[in-house]
Amino acid sequence: MLRGSCLCGAVAFTAEPPKGRAIACHCAECRRQSGHYFAAVPVAKDSVTFDREDGLTWYRASDIATRGFCARCGSTLFWRGDAGANVHILIGSLDGETGLKLGAHVWVREQGDYYDIGGDLPQLQEG
């Protein structure tokens, strides 16, 4: 099981292990919300359970998805597409060692001009 929470603890959750590879998303929305690109891992939507969700807020950021964050401390936690069975959990919100590794960089066509993407991972122009 994966366990995670926001910075202040007003949102705490568990989820089943990932349903796909972890990604680093470089889209303009992810960068604007988090301050940089973010790393996330897909899990089944119905596998996420909340121990605490007092601060959980969902924001409709586009016509295809909502983003979950803590309204108390501002921690970015989730990206949830309207379609599909998965929700992406931001890896930085997970407790302890995760054993997860990035599998690809996505939306690199929207990458910020202030950094370079290095390494050997696939770089997909879109998601």
C-alpha atoms as a PDB file:
ATOM      1  CA  MET A   1       0.000   0.000   0.000  1.00  0.00           C
ATOM      2  CA  LEU A   2       1.030   3.570  -0.626  1.00  0.00           C
ATOM      3  CA  ARG A   3       0.483   6.070   2.189  1.00  0.00           C
ATOM      4  CA  GLY A   4       0.619   9.807   1.870  1.00  0.00           C
ATOM      5  CA  SER A   5      -0.500  13.129   3.212  1.00  0.00           C
ATOM      6  CA  CYS A   6      -0.321  16.860   2.789  1.00  0.00           C
ATOM      7  CA  LEU A   7       2.160  19.046   4.658  1.00  0.00           C
ATOM      8  CA  CYS A   8      -0.195  19.878   7.556  1.00  0.00           C
ATOM      9  CA  GLY A   9      -1.882  16.465   7.843  1.00  0.00           C
ATOM     10  CA  ALA A  10      -5.423  17.648   7.062  1.00  0.00           C
ATOM     11  CA  VAL A  11      -5.407  15.178   4.137  1.00  0.00           C
ATOM     12  CA  ALA A  12      -4.078  11.648   4.635  1.00  0.00           C
ATOM     13  CA  PHE A  13      -4.691   8.731   2.309  1.00  0.00           C
ATOM     14  CA  THR A  14      -3.772   5.196   1.295  1.00  0.00           C
ATOM     15  CA  ALA A  15      -3.859   3.630  -2.161  1.00  0.00           C
ATOM     16  CA  GLU A  16      -3.134   0.358  -3.867  1.00  0.00           C
ATOM     17  CA  PRO A  17       0.203   0.054  -5.715  1.00  0.00           C
ATOM     18  CA  PRO A  18       0.607   1.900  -9.046  1.00  0.00           C
ATOM     19  CA  LYS A  19      -1.248   0.904 -12.211  1.00  0.00           C
ATOM     20  CA  GLY A  20       1.432   2.298 -14.530  1.00  0.00           C
ATOM     21  CA  ARG A  21       4.719   4.101 -14.698  1.00  0.00           C
ATOM     22  CA  ALA A  22       5.494   7.237 -12.771  1.00  0.00           C
ATOM     23  CA  ILE A  23       5.797  10.338 -14.922  1.00  0.00           C
ATOM     24  CA  ALA A  24       7.282  13.797 -14.697  1.00  0.00           C
ATOM     25  CA  CYS A  25       4.755  16.193 -16.212  1.00  0.00           C
ATOM     26  CA  HIS A  26       6.082  19.437 -17.709  1.00  0.00           C
ATOM     27  CA  CYS A  27       2.751  20.923 -18.869  1.00  0.00           C
ATOM     28  CA  ALA A  28       2.055  24.573 -18.156  1.00  0.00           C
ATOM     29  CA  GLU A  29      -0.797  23.755 -15.730  1.00  0.00           C
ATOM     30  CA  CYS A  30       1.318  21.385 -13.611  1.00  0.00           C
ATOM     31  CA  ARG A  31       4.180  23.877 -13.523  1.00  0.00           C
ATOM     32  CA  ARG A  32       1.859  26.726 -12.561  1.00  0.00           C
ATOM     33  CA  GLN A  33       0.191  24.719  -9.803  1.00  0.00           C
ATOM     34  CA  SER A  34       3.345  23.242  -8.269  1.00  0.00           C
ATOM     35  CA  GLY A  35       5.956  25.862  -9.139  1.00  0.00           C
ATOM     36  CA  HIS A  36       7.903  23.405 -11.311  1.00  0.00           C
ATOM     37  CA  TYR A  37       7.187  20.172 -13.154  1.00  0.00           C
ATOM     38  CA  PHE A  38       5.782  17.431 -10.977  1.00  0.00           C
ATOM     39  CA  ALA A  39       6.219  13.685 -10.588  1.00  0.00           C
ATOM     40  CA  ALA A  40       3.108  11.554 -10.215  1.00  0.00           C
ATOM     41  CA  VAL A  41       2.096   7.908 -10.280  1.00  0.00           C
ATOM     42  CA  PRO A  42      -1.246   6.484 -11.486  1.00  0.00           C
ATOM     43  CA  VAL A  43      -3.327   4.349  -9.138  1.00  0.00           C
ATOM     44  CA  ALA A  44      -6.870   3.049  -9.449  1.00  0.00           C
ATOM     45  CA  LYS A  45      -9.363   5.773  -8.431  1.00  0.00           C
ATOM     46  CA  ASP A  46     -11.366   3.301  -6.359  1.00  0.00           C
ATOM     47  CA  SER A  47      -8.260   2.181  -4.438  1.00  0.00           C
ATOM     48  CA  VAL A  48      -7.718   5.575  -2.787  1.00  0.00           C
ATOM     49  CA  THR A  49      -9.157   5.825   0.716  1.00  0.00           C
ATOM     50  CA  PHE A  50      -8.910   8.781   3.049  1.00  0.00           C
ATOM     51  CA  ASP A  51      -7.998   8.651   6.727  1.00  0.00           C
ATOM     52  CA  ARG A  52      -8.445  12.444   6.827  1.00  0.00           C
ATOM     53  CA  GLU A  53      -9.851  14.713   4.155  1.00  0.00           C
ATOM     54  CA  ASP A  54     -10.720  17.859   6.110  1.00  0.00           C
ATOM     55  CA  GLY A  55      -8.571  20.030   3.854  1.00  0.00           C
ATOM     56  CA  LEU A  56      -9.133  18.230   0.555  1.00  0.00           C
ATOM     57  CA  THR A  57     -10.341  20.480  -2.234  1.00  0.00           C
ATOM     58  CA  TRP A  58     -10.802  19.602  -5.902  1.00  0.00           C
ATOM     59  CA  TYR A  59     -10.195  22.300  -8.489  1.00  0.00           C
ATOM     60  CA  ARG A  60     -11.414  22.012 -12.085  1.00  0.00           C
ATOM     61  CA  ALA A  61      -8.273  23.138 -13.899  1.00  0.00           C
ATOM     62  CA  SER A  62      -9.401  22.149 -17.393  1.00  0.00           C
ATOM     63  CA  ASP A  63     -12.321  20.622 -19.233  1.00  0.00           C
ATOM     64  CA  ILE A  64     -10.824  17.118 -18.806  1.00  0.00           C
ATOM     65  CA  ALA A  65      -9.537  16.943 -15.219  1.00  0.00           C
ATOM     66  CA  THR A  66      -9.589  18.128 -11.635  1.00  0.00           C
ATOM     67  CA  ARG A  67      -6.643  18.666  -9.306  1.00  0.00           C
ATOM     68  CA  GLY A  68      -6.747  17.776  -5.627  1.00  0.00           C
ATOM     69  CA  PHE A  69      -4.918  19.845  -3.038  1.00  0.00           C
ATOM     70  CA  CYS A  70      -5.071  20.750   0.627  1.00  0.00           C
ATOM     71  CA  ALA A  71      -6.914  24.026   1.151  1.00  0.00           C
ATOM     72  CA  ARG A  72      -5.173  24.510   4.512  1.00  0.00           C
ATOM     73  CA  CYS A  73      -1.482  24.135   3.615  1.00  0.00           C
ATOM     74  CA  GLY A  74      -1.626  24.267  -0.206  1.00  0.00           C
ATOM     75  CA  SER A  75       0.001  20.875  -0.835  1.00  0.00           C
ATOM     76  CA  THR A  76      -0.594  19.589  -4.358  1.00  0.00           C
ATOM     77  CA  LEU A  77      -1.742  15.966  -4.071  1.00  0.00           C
ATOM     78  CA  PHE A  78      -3.695  14.598  -7.045  1.00  0.00           C
ATOM     79  CA  TRP A  79      -4.482  14.917 -10.737  1.00  0.00           C
ATOM     80  CA  ARG A  80      -7.729  13.153 -11.690  1.00  0.00           C
ATOM     81  CA  GLY A  81      -8.861  12.871 -15.288  1.00  0.00           C
ATOM     82  CA  ASP A  82     -12.617  12.761 -15.840  1.00  0.00           C
ATOM     83  CA  ALA A  83     -12.232   9.722 -18.083  1.00  0.00           C
ATOM     84  CA  GLY A  84     -10.388   6.592 -17.094  1.00  0.00           C
ATOM     85  CA  ALA A  85     -10.037   4.544 -13.953  1.00  0.00           C
ATOM     86  CA  ASN A  86      -6.884   6.156 -12.536  1.00  0.00           C
ATOM     87  CA  VAL A  87      -5.935   9.130 -10.414  1.00  0.00           C
ATOM     88  CA  HIS A  88      -2.337  10.389 -10.373  1.00  0.00           C
ATOM     89  CA  ILE A  89      -0.834  10.862  -6.918  1.00  0.00           C
ATOM     90  CA  LEU A  90       2.058  13.283  -6.628  1.00  0.00           C
ATOM     91  CA  ILE A  91       5.010  11.195  -5.497  1.00  0.00           C
ATOM     92  CA  GLY A  92       6.284  13.909  -3.156  1.00  0.00           C
ATOM     93  CA  SER A  93       3.155  13.469  -1.025  1.00  0.00           C
ATOM     94  CA  LEU A  94       3.949   9.809  -0.302  1.00  0.00           C
ATOM     95  CA  ASP A  95       5.405   8.695   3.024  1.00  0.00           C
ATOM     96  CA  GLY A  96       8.846   7.110   3.341  1.00  0.00           C
ATOM     97  CA  GLU A  97      10.644   5.108   0.700  1.00  0.00           C
ATOM     98  CA  THR A  98       8.380   4.409  -2.272  1.00  0.00           C
ATOM     99  CA  GLY A  99      10.551   2.245  -4.502  1.00  0.00           C
ATOM    100  CA  LEU A 100       9.058   4.158  -7.434  1.00  0.00           C
ATOM    101  CA  LYS A 101      11.122   5.300 -10.410  1.00  0.00           C
ATOM    102  CA  LEU A 102      10.185   7.720 -13.148  1.00  0.00           C
ATOM    103  CA  GLY A 103       9.312   6.038 -16.431  1.00  0.00           C
ATOM    104  CA  ALA A 104       8.957   9.057 -18.726  1.00  0.00           C
ATOM    105  CA  HIS A 105       8.772  12.820 -19.070  1.00  0.00           C
ATOM    106  CA  VAL A 106       5.449  13.981 -20.549  1.00  0.00           C
ATOM    107  CA  TRP A 107       4.244  17.215 -22.101  1.00  0.00           C
ATOM    108  CA  VAL A 108       7.821  18.264 -22.788  1.00  0.00           C
ATOM    109  CA  ARG A 109       6.619  20.582 -25.566  1.00  0.00           C
ATOM    110  CA  GLU A 110       5.379  22.838 -22.741  1.00  0.00           C
ATOM    111  CA  GLN A 111       8.594  22.571 -20.725  1.00  0.00           C
ATOM    112  CA  GLY A 112       9.753  25.772 -19.042  1.00  0.00           C
ATOM    113  CA  ASP A 113      12.688  27.615 -20.599  1.00  0.00           C
ATOM    114  CA  TYR A 114      14.582  27.744 -17.306  1.00  0.00           C
ATOM    115  CA  TYR A 115      15.665  24.076 -17.112  1.00  0.00           C
ATOM    116  CA  ASP A 116      16.900  21.156 -19.209  1.00  0.00           C
ATOM    117  CA  ILE A 117      15.654  17.586 -19.063  1.00  0.00           C
ATOM    118  CA  GLY A 118      18.542  15.151 -18.740  1.00  0.00           C
ATOM    119  CA  GLY A 119      18.846  11.402 -18.518  1.00  0.00           C
ATOM    120  CA  ASP A 120      17.727   8.529 -20.683  1.00  0.00           C
ATOM    121  CA  LEU A 121      13.997   8.443 -19.981  1.00  0.00           C
ATOM    122  CA  PRO A 122      11.559   8.813 -22.873  1.00  0.00           C
ATOM    123  CA  GLN A 123      10.495  12.403 -23.513  1.00  0.00           C
ATOM    124  CA  LEU A 124       6.956  12.538 -24.889  1.00  0.00           C
ATOM    125  CA  GLN A 125       5.773  15.759 -26.520  1.00  0.00           C
ATOM    126  CA  GLU A 126       2.316  15.253 -25.018  1.00  0.00           C
ATOM    127  CA  GLY A 127       0.888  13.015 -22.317  1.00  0.00           C
END
